[in-house]
Each structure stands twice: as C-alpha cells, then as structure tokens.
C-alpha atoms as a PDB file:
ATOM      1  CA  MET A   1      51.386 197.868 -32.953  1.00  0.00           C
ATOM      2  CA  LYS A   2      51.186 196.575 -29.402  1.00  0.00           C
ATOM      3  CA  GLN A   3      54.357 196.839 -27.350  1.00  0.00           C
ATOM      4  CA  ALA A   4      55.571 193.809 -25.427  1.00  0.00           C
ATOM      5  CA  THR A   5      55.337 194.051 -21.670  1.00  0.00           C
ATOM      6  CA  THR A   6      58.156 192.231 -19.950  1.00  0.00           C
ATOM      7  CA  VAL A   7      58.903 192.950 -16.315  1.00  0.00           C
ATOM      8  CA  PHE A   8      62.579 193.281 -15.434  1.00  0.00           C
ATOM      9  CA  SER A   9      64.134 193.689 -12.013  1.00  0.00           C
ATOM     10  CA  LYS A  10      65.932 196.924 -11.176  1.00  0.00           C
ATOM     11  CA  TYR A  11      69.183 194.965 -11.261  1.00  0.00           C
ATOM     12  CA  LYS A  12      68.532 193.737 -14.823  1.00  0.00           C
ATOM     13  CA  ILE A  13      67.533 197.228 -15.978  1.00  0.00           C
ATOM     14  CA  GLU A  14      70.761 198.664 -14.523  1.00  0.00           C
ATOM     15  CA  LYS A  15      72.790 195.912 -16.233  1.00  0.00           C
ATOM     16  CA  MET A  16      71.103 196.684 -19.587  1.00  0.00           C
ATOM     17  CA  PHE A  17      71.952 200.358 -19.263  1.00  0.00           C
ATOM     18  CA  ARG A  18      75.550 199.735 -18.216  1.00  0.00           C
ATOM     19  CA  LEU A  19      76.113 197.264 -21.053  1.00  0.00           C
ATOM     20  CA  SER A  20      74.666 199.633 -23.649  1.00  0.00           C
ATOM     21  CA  TYR A  21      76.774 202.516 -22.286  1.00  0.00           C
ATOM     22  CA  LYS A  22      79.889 200.367 -22.338  1.00  0.00           C
ATOM     23  CA  LEU A  23      79.242 199.216 -25.908  1.00  0.00           C
ATOM     24  CA  ALA A  24      78.606 202.777 -27.062  1.00  0.00           C
ATOM     25  CA  PHE A  25      81.341 204.712 -25.284  1.00  0.00           C
ATOM     26  CA  GLU A  26      83.884 202.608 -23.408  1.00  0.00           C
ATOM     27  CA  ASN A  27      85.174 200.137 -25.938  1.00  0.00           C
ATOM     28  CA  GLY A  28      87.857 201.036 -28.448  1.00  0.00           C
ATOM     29  CA  ARG A  29      86.089 199.574 -31.453  1.00  0.00           C
ATOM     30  CA  LYS A  30      85.400 201.963 -34.295  1.00  0.00           C
ATOM     31  CA  LYS A  31      82.547 199.928 -35.779  1.00  0.00           C
ATOM     32  CA  LYS A  32      79.673 199.613 -33.317  1.00  0.00           C
ATOM     33  CA  ASP A  33      76.367 197.809 -33.569  1.00  0.00           C
ATOM     34  CA  TRP A  34      74.124 200.808 -32.890  1.00  0.00           C
ATOM     35  CA  ASN A  35      70.921 198.806 -33.362  1.00  0.00           C
ATOM     36  CA  ASP A  36      71.791 196.554 -30.416  1.00  0.00           C
ATOM     37  CA  ILE A  37      73.036 199.477 -28.332  1.00  0.00           C
ATOM     38  CA  PHE A  38      69.855 201.461 -28.950  1.00  0.00           C
ATOM     39  CA  ALA A  39      67.640 198.443 -28.211  1.00  0.00           C
ATOM     40  CA  LEU A  40      69.297 197.890 -24.816  1.00  0.00           C
ATOM     41  CA  TRP A  41      69.279 201.594 -23.969  1.00  0.00           C
ATOM     42  CA  ASN A  42      65.657 202.017 -25.018  1.00  0.00           C
ATOM     43  CA  CYS A  43      64.552 198.954 -23.052  1.00  0.00           C
ATOM     44  CA  ALA A  44      66.240 200.338 -19.937  1.00  0.00           C
ATOM     45  CA  ALA A  45      64.550 203.721 -20.457  1.00  0.00           C
ATOM     46  CA  ILE A  46      61.106 202.202 -21.022  1.00  0.00           C
ATOM     47  CA  ASN A  47      61.479 200.191 -17.834  1.00  0.00           C
ATOM     48  CA  GLY A  48      62.244 203.274 -15.740  1.00  0.00           C
ATOM     49  CA  HIS A  49      66.015 203.756 -15.742  1.00  0.00           C
ATOM     50  CA  VAL A  50      66.374 207.501 -15.160  1.00  0.00           C
ATOM     51  CA  ARG A  51      69.810 207.968 -16.765  1.00  0.00           C
ATOM     52  CA  ALA A  52      68.654 206.165 -19.935  1.00  0.00           C
ATOM     53  CA  HIS A  53      65.852 208.685 -20.488  1.00  0.00           C
ATOM     54  CA  PHE A  54      67.982 211.371 -22.102  1.00  0.00           C
ATOM     55  CA  ILE A  55      68.116 209.731 -25.556  1.00  0.00           C
END
C-alpha cells in the first residue's frame, strides 16, 4: 500500500505531537481514543518530530 505524502510545517507537526501527548497523558479521562492518539503521534513521527520517534 502506498503511503500518503502530505507536507506539514514544523509548527503543525509540533501541534500534532503536543495534542496527542495531551490526549494521552494530561487529561483526566479514563477512557481514551487511542486510535486517534496513535494516528496523531505517528504522523508527527513520520514527519520528523524527534520526540515522537520513541513509540
């Protein structure tokens, strides 16, 4: 399967990572939508966000 190639600015990539981190760790909700969190985190990692690479 061919992967989509969308170019994001560094600002957008940082926002994706911060949002995914916040959804995963900083909110008090017990039930989390891990599919959305992983999608954001993975997109940030694929686009070069260094801190998102550890997953």
